Amino acid sequence: MSATNQPGSEAQDDEDDYMNMTFEETQPAKETSLQRTQRLKKESRARGVIKSKAQLAEEETAAREKALATSMLDDPRAKKSKGLAMMAKMGFTGGGLGKKTDAGQAQGRTEPIHLSMKDDRGGIGMDSEKKRRFREAAAEQGIEPDAKAPKLDPDEYRERVRKEREDAKLEKQFFAAQRLAERMDDEQAGEGGAQDDDSADSASEDEKRVKKTAISSKPLKSVNILYRGLVRHREEKERDRRMRYDLEQSLSRLPTYEEEDDDPDYKTALGKRSTVYTAAEDLDEEDPELDEFNALDVRERLERLLKHLRKQHRYCFWCKMAYPDAEMDGCPGLSEEDHD
């Protein structure tokens, strides 16, 4: 018996007929209630996220670029446009509007108008005004407006920044040395004037505080030039503060009628009597000596102040201590580098 006449050979041929095989389409899995709940939660969280200004601006830019790059004729909604249908009946097939030239090209614009977005709140002519001011400033300095900016040397820039930082550091040290010199001179003058006075030890804390905060009527030119600028600045600041306080107090009170026979204490209680504060006599006068001292380099000013502390008080600003004798044995030197 041949192999083709064997029973079951037809069924085997049907099973091996790959060319005529058909596959049933798989049905999508049905979403369970748990999966639906998780999907809804995920969508609600995505809707609840507040986008930043940068993200909103990026999405707005992308949507604008997409709209400008898409032709209205390619938009599916254009097929339902009545206006476009009327233009098509009149022979419009796309391109620019208007009468066509001899070459067959339309005269109208084929590209959309370019948009220039403003990110600031300046007016329309603000940029041109800035350019005009820049040209005027360049003309005053003798620089051509179209000239290229000179290239900065990196080493020169680093050196300039280093010098600025060093000068700022020296200014702070000079200010601290000024306060120290003023305090030590005041203590020395107080000890000399009250050496034989036993009542100085019994002074109350309130009296010391009043003496410290009161504005001195002493002429500024009698103050040591090394810290005269500090005293002048402090007195000007205190005078302005008190004048501003008196002005606020006067504005907060209603104008009232003053009787001639009012008691002085009654006027003071109601704030009808203004308090006069005594400042330095020459506070508003010019001080050429102080101007000349401030014109010096900060290093020279600091050096003169440190020499004053060492000579008058045997005190080293860098060691932070006073020495018993004028030789100051143990102090490395006058400058900060000597103490490194």
Protein backbone atom coordinates (compact mmCIF):
# COMPACT_ATOMS: atom_id res chain seq x y z
CA MET A 1 0.00 0.00 0.00
CA SER A 2 1.41 3.35 -1.02
CA ALA A 3 1.82 6.20 1.39
CA THR A 4 -0.89 8.22 -0.34
CA ASN A 5 -3.46 5.49 0.14
CA GLN A 6 -2.80 5.11 3.83
CA PRO A 7 -5.67 6.11 6.10
CA GLY A 8 -5.33 9.55 7.75
CA SER A 9 -3.01 10.97 5.06
CA GLU A 10 -5.62 13.55 3.94
CA ALA A 11 -5.97 14.90 7.48
CA GLN A 12 -2.19 15.16 7.74
CA ASP A 13 -2.05 17.12 4.46
CA ASP A 14 -4.75 19.49 5.73
CA GLU A 15 -2.84 20.13 8.90
CA ASP A 16 0.39 20.89 7.01
CA ASP A 17 -1.19 23.25 4.49
CA TYR A 18 0.49 26.45 5.78
CA MET A 19 -0.39 28.53 2.73
CA ASN A 20 -4.12 28.32 3.40
CA MET A 21 -3.91 28.69 7.15
CA THR A 22 -5.97 31.45 8.71
CA PHE A 23 -5.50 33.05 12.13
CA GLU A 24 -8.31 34.30 14.23
CA GLU A 25 -8.02 37.88 15.43
CA THR A 26 -7.34 38.06 19.12
CA GLN A 27 -9.94 39.91 21.05
CA PRO A 28 -8.57 42.75 23.21
CA ALA A 29 -8.45 41.85 26.84
CA LYS A 30 -11.35 43.27 28.73
CA GLU A 31 -10.35 45.96 31.21
CA THR A 32 -10.98 44.90 34.75
CA SER A 33 -12.42 47.19 37.40
CA LEU A 34 -9.04 47.39 39.16
CA GLN A 35 -7.25 48.37 35.93
CA ARG A 36 -9.90 50.98 35.18
CA THR A 37 -9.53 52.45 38.66
CA GLN A 38 -5.75 52.64 38.30
CA ARG A 39 -6.07 54.25 34.86
CA LEU A 40 -8.50 56.89 36.10
CA LYS A 41 -6.24 57.69 39.06
CA LYS A 42 -3.26 58.07 36.74
CA GLU A 43 -5.20 60.38 34.42
CA SER A 44 -6.46 62.50 37.33
CA ARG A 45 -2.93 62.86 38.70
CA ALA A 46 -1.71 63.96 35.28
CA ARG A 47 -4.49 66.56 35.06
CA GLY A 48 -3.73 67.79 38.58
CA VAL A 49 -0.08 68.54 37.91
CA ILE A 50 0.42 72.31 37.71
CA LYS A 51 2.75 73.09 34.86
CA SER A 52 5.48 75.64 35.30
CA LYS A 53 5.72 78.84 33.30
CA ALA A 54 8.58 77.40 31.27
CA GLN A 55 6.55 74.31 30.32
CA LEU A 56 3.50 76.42 29.38
CA ALA A 57 5.67 78.73 27.28
CA GLU A 58 7.28 75.74 25.56
CA GLU A 59 3.90 74.19 24.76
CA GLU A 60 2.61 77.53 23.49
CA THR A 61 5.64 77.95 21.23
CA ALA A 62 5.30 74.41 19.87
CA ALA A 63 1.59 74.89 19.13
CA ARG A 64 2.26 78.24 17.41
CA GLU A 65 5.04 76.79 15.25
CA LYS A 66 2.88 73.82 14.32
CA ALA A 67 -0.02 76.08 13.34
CA LEU A 68 2.21 78.34 11.23
CA ALA A 69 3.79 75.36 9.49
CA THR A 70 0.43 73.79 8.58
CA SER A 71 -1.43 75.06 5.53
CA MET A 72 -5.11 75.84 5.85
CA LEU A 73 -5.78 73.83 2.70
CA ASP A 74 -4.39 70.72 4.38
CA ASP A 75 -6.57 71.16 7.43
CA PRO A 76 -9.47 68.66 7.45
CA ARG A 77 -11.77 71.42 8.67
CA ALA A 78 -11.07 73.40 5.46
CA LYS A 79 -13.32 71.05 3.47
CA LYS A 80 -16.29 72.29 5.47
CA SER A 81 -15.32 75.97 5.11
CA LYS A 82 -17.90 77.91 3.10
CA GLY A 83 -15.50 80.71 2.39
CA LEU A 84 -12.89 78.38 0.94
CA ALA A 85 -15.58 76.71 -1.17
CA MET A 86 -16.59 80.08 -2.62
CA MET A 87 -12.95 80.90 -3.41
CA ALA A 88 -12.52 77.52 -5.12
CA LYS A 89 -15.51 78.28 -7.38
CA MET A 90 -13.79 81.52 -8.38
CA GLY A 91 -10.67 79.58 -9.42
CA PHE A 92 -8.52 79.65 -6.29
CA THR A 93 -6.30 76.58 -6.15
CA GLY A 94 -3.80 77.72 -3.55
CA GLY A 95 -0.85 80.08 -3.39
CA GLY A 96 -1.02 83.84 -3.10
CA LEU A 97 -4.08 85.98 -3.63
CA GLY A 98 -4.56 88.59 -6.34
CA LYS A 99 -4.25 88.75 -10.08
CA LYS A 100 -1.61 86.45 -11.54
CA THR A 101 1.28 87.82 -13.50
CA ASP A 102 2.33 86.80 -17.00
CA ALA A 103 4.53 84.11 -15.49
CA GLY A 104 1.49 82.60 -13.81
CA GLN A 105 2.47 83.56 -10.27
CA ALA A 106 0.16 85.33 -7.87
CA GLN A 107 1.09 88.74 -6.50
CA GLY A 108 -0.08 88.10 -2.95
CA ARG A 109 1.90 86.85 0.03
CA THR A 110 2.38 83.10 0.22
CA GLU A 111 4.07 82.96 3.65
CA PRO A 112 2.45 84.05 6.94
CA ILE A 113 3.57 87.26 8.59
CA HIS A 114 6.52 86.65 10.92
CA LEU A 115 5.62 87.01 14.59
CA SER A 116 7.94 88.83 16.98
CA MET A 117 7.00 87.88 20.55
CA LYS A 118 7.77 90.34 23.36
CA ASP A 119 8.82 88.83 26.68
CA ASP A 120 9.05 92.10 28.62
CA ARG A 121 6.63 94.91 29.48
CA GLY A 122 8.46 97.62 27.57
CA GLY A 123 6.71 99.70 24.95
CA ILE A 124 7.02 99.27 21.21
CA GLY A 125 9.72 101.95 20.89
CA MET A 126 11.69 100.87 23.95
CA ASP A 127 14.35 99.01 22.00
CA SER A 128 14.99 101.92 19.65
CA GLU A 129 15.22 104.28 22.64
CA LYS A 130 17.82 102.03 24.27
CA LYS A 131 19.82 101.95 21.05
CA ARG A 132 19.69 105.74 20.80
CA ARG A 133 20.93 106.16 24.39
CA PHE A 134 23.69 103.63 23.74
CA ARG A 135 24.84 105.56 20.67
CA GLU A 136 24.84 108.83 22.62
CA ALA A 137 26.85 107.29 25.46
CA ALA A 138 29.32 105.84 22.97
CA ALA A 139 29.67 109.20 21.25
CA GLU A 140 30.40 110.91 24.59
CA GLN A 141 33.17 108.40 25.29
CA GLY A 142 34.58 108.75 21.79
CA ILE A 143 33.68 105.20 20.78
CA GLU A 144 32.11 104.43 17.44
CA PRO A 145 28.65 102.83 17.83
CA ASP A 146 29.46 100.07 15.33
CA ALA A 147 32.89 99.37 16.79
CA LYS A 148 33.46 95.94 18.23
CA ALA A 149 34.00 95.63 21.94
CA PRO A 150 37.65 95.14 22.84
CA LYS A 151 38.60 91.66 23.91
CA LEU A 152 39.27 91.33 27.61
CA ASP A 153 42.42 89.68 28.75
CA PRO A 154 41.50 86.86 31.17
CA ASP A 155 44.57 87.52 33.31
CA GLU A 156 43.78 91.23 33.49
CA TYR A 157 40.19 90.51 34.48
CA ARG A 158 41.24 88.08 37.22
CA GLU A 159 43.76 90.60 38.55
CA ARG A 160 41.13 93.36 38.64
CA VAL A 161 38.59 91.16 40.45
CA ARG A 162 41.26 90.05 42.93
CA LYS A 163 42.22 93.67 43.64
CA GLU A 164 38.59 94.70 44.15
CA ARG A 165 38.05 91.89 46.65
CA GLU A 166 41.26 92.71 48.46
CA ASP A 167 40.31 96.41 48.69
CA ALA A 168 36.87 95.49 50.07
CA LYS A 169 38.52 93.29 52.69
CA LEU A 170 40.93 96.08 53.68
CA GLU A 171 38.05 98.56 53.99
CA LYS A 172 36.33 96.25 56.49
CA GLN A 173 39.55 95.86 58.46
CA PHE A 174 40.08 99.64 58.44
CA PHE A 175 36.54 100.20 59.74
CA ALA A 176 37.09 97.69 62.56
CA ALA A 177 40.41 99.32 63.45
CA GLN A 178 38.72 102.75 63.53
CA ARG A 179 36.14 101.58 66.06
CA LEU A 180 38.85 99.96 68.16
CA ALA A 181 41.05 103.07 68.14
CA GLU A 182 38.13 105.32 69.08
CA ARG A 183 37.11 103.08 71.97
CA MET A 184 40.64 102.74 73.31
CA ASP A 185 41.26 106.51 73.08
CA ASP A 186 37.99 107.21 74.93
CA GLU A 187 38.90 104.71 77.63
CA GLN A 188 42.34 106.21 78.00
CA ALA A 189 40.93 109.75 78.22
CA GLY A 190 38.32 108.61 80.76
CA GLU A 191 40.90 106.90 82.94
CA GLY A 192 43.10 110.01 82.88
CA GLY A 193 40.28 112.38 83.79
CA ALA A 194 38.79 110.22 86.50
CA GLN A 195 41.99 108.83 88.03
CA ASP A 196 41.43 110.57 91.37
CA ASP A 197 37.64 110.55 91.28
CA ASP A 198 36.09 107.77 93.36
CA SER A 199 32.60 108.50 92.10
CA ALA A 200 33.47 107.13 88.65
CA ASP A 201 33.32 103.56 89.97
CA SER A 202 29.79 104.05 91.27
CA ALA A 203 28.28 105.25 87.99
CA SER A 204 25.14 103.43 87.06
CA GLU A 205 24.68 101.39 83.89
CA ASP A 206 21.90 103.70 82.69
CA GLU A 207 24.17 106.74 82.85
CA LYS A 208 26.88 104.91 80.89
CA ARG A 209 24.35 103.91 78.27
CA VAL A 210 23.08 107.48 77.93
CA LYS A 211 26.61 108.81 77.58
CA LYS A 212 27.34 106.22 74.91
CA THR A 213 24.26 106.92 72.79
CA ALA A 214 24.09 110.70 73.15
CA ILE A 215 25.19 112.85 70.24
CA SER A 216 28.30 114.75 71.13
CA SER A 217 28.46 118.51 70.73
CA LYS A 218 32.24 118.29 70.47
CA PRO A 219 33.63 119.85 67.24
CA LEU A 220 34.56 117.22 64.69
CA LYS A 221 37.85 118.89 63.86
CA SER A 222 39.03 118.18 67.38
CA VAL A 223 38.58 114.43 66.80
CA ASN A 224 41.58 112.40 65.66
CA ILE A 225 41.79 112.34 61.88
CA LEU A 226 42.26 108.56 61.92
CA TYR A 227 38.67 107.92 62.98
CA ARG A 228 37.06 111.31 62.36
CA GLY A 229 35.23 109.95 59.33
CA LEU A 230 33.66 107.22 61.48
CA VAL A 231 32.43 109.76 64.04
CA ARG A 232 31.09 112.05 61.31
CA HIS A 233 29.20 109.25 59.61
CA ARG A 234 27.72 108.07 62.91
CA GLU A 235 26.54 111.55 63.92
CA GLU A 236 25.00 112.22 60.50
CA LYS A 237 23.16 108.91 60.66
CA GLU A 238 21.92 109.61 64.20
CA ARG A 239 20.80 113.13 63.28
CA ASP A 240 18.86 111.87 60.27
CA ARG A 241 17.24 109.15 62.35
CA ARG A 242 16.09 111.58 65.02
CA MET A 243 14.82 114.10 62.48
CA ARG A 244 12.85 111.37 60.74
CA TYR A 245 11.45 110.23 64.08
CA ASP A 246 10.36 113.79 64.97
CA LEU A 247 8.72 114.15 61.58
CA GLU A 248 6.78 110.92 62.01
CA GLN A 249 5.67 111.96 65.46
CA SER A 250 4.51 115.35 64.21
CA LEU A 251 2.55 113.80 61.34
CA SER A 252 0.85 111.27 63.59
CA ARG A 253 -0.63 113.98 65.85
CA LEU A 254 -3.59 116.11 64.95
CA PRO A 255 -3.05 119.89 65.01
CA THR A 256 -4.50 121.25 68.23
CA TYR A 257 -4.96 124.71 69.59
CA GLU A 258 -2.36 125.69 72.16
CA GLU A 259 -3.32 127.78 75.13
CA GLU A 260 -0.82 130.30 76.38
CA ASP A 261 -1.31 129.27 79.98
CA ASP A 262 -0.85 125.54 79.37
CA ASP A 263 1.44 123.80 81.79
CA PRO A 264 4.87 122.92 80.29
CA ASP A 265 4.58 119.33 81.52
CA TYR A 266 1.14 119.13 79.91
CA LYS A 267 2.60 120.28 76.56
CA THR A 268 5.41 117.77 76.82
CA ALA A 269 2.97 114.94 77.56
CA LEU A 270 0.85 115.83 74.54
CA GLY A 271 3.91 116.17 72.33
CA LYS A 272 3.38 119.86 71.64
CA ARG A 273 6.92 120.72 72.57
CA SER A 274 9.63 119.58 70.19
CA THR A 275 12.88 118.23 71.57
CA VAL A 276 16.02 119.87 70.25
CA TYR A 277 18.99 117.55 69.80
CA THR A 278 22.51 118.91 69.90
CA ALA A 279 24.88 117.71 67.21
CA ALA A 280 28.44 118.62 66.40
CA GLU A 281 28.95 122.30 65.69
CA ASP A 282 30.79 121.76 62.41
CA LEU A 283 28.83 118.74 61.18
CA ASP A 284 27.65 120.54 58.03
CA GLU A 285 30.97 122.27 57.37
CA GLU A 286 33.55 121.05 54.89
CA ASP A 287 36.61 119.27 56.21
CA PRO A 288 39.52 119.44 53.74
CA GLU A 289 41.77 117.50 56.09
CA LEU A 290 39.30 114.61 56.24
CA ASP A 291 38.82 114.67 52.47
CA GLU A 292 42.56 114.50 51.96
CA PHE A 293 42.85 111.57 54.39
CA ASN A 294 40.00 109.66 52.71
CA ALA A 295 41.66 110.19 49.31
CA LEU A 296 44.63 108.11 50.45
CA ASP A 297 44.89 104.45 49.53
CA VAL A 298 43.19 102.13 52.00
CA ARG A 299 46.49 100.37 52.69
CA GLU A 300 48.15 103.62 53.76
CA ARG A 301 45.20 104.60 55.94
CA LEU A 302 45.17 101.20 57.62
CA GLU A 303 48.93 101.34 58.19
CA ARG A 304 48.72 104.76 59.87
CA LEU A 305 45.90 103.54 62.10
CA LEU A 306 47.81 100.41 63.13
CA LYS A 307 50.87 102.50 63.97
CA HIS A 308 48.68 104.69 66.17
CA LEU A 309 47.41 101.65 68.08
CA ARG A 310 50.92 100.30 68.59
CA LYS A 311 52.35 103.66 69.68
CA GLN A 312 49.56 104.93 71.93
CA HIS A 313 48.18 101.69 73.38
CA ARG A 314 50.88 99.07 72.65
CA TYR A 315 48.14 97.06 70.97
CA CYS A 316 48.55 94.81 67.92
CA PHE A 317 45.47 94.63 65.73
CA TRP A 318 46.50 91.26 64.29
CA CYS A 319 47.56 89.64 67.57
CA LYS A 320 44.39 90.95 69.27
CA MET A 321 46.25 91.74 72.47
CA ALA A 322 47.95 94.60 74.31
CA TYR A 323 51.61 94.25 75.28
CA PRO A 324 53.06 95.45 78.59
CA ASP A 325 55.95 97.40 77.07
CA ALA A 326 56.63 99.54 74.02
CA GLU A 327 58.99 96.96 72.47
CA MET A 328 56.05 94.53 72.06
CA ASP A 329 58.21 91.43 72.24
CA GLY A 330 56.54 88.48 70.55
CA CYS A 331 54.67 90.46 67.88
CA PRO A 332 55.80 89.36 64.40
CA GLY A 333 55.34 92.75 62.78
CA LEU A 334 53.01 95.50 61.56
CA SER A 335 51.36 93.86 58.54
CA GLU A 336 49.00 90.92 58.31
CA GLU A 337 51.47 88.99 56.16
CA ASP A 338 53.93 89.00 59.05
CA HIS A 339 51.39 87.15 61.20
CA ASP A 340 50.74 84.34 58.70
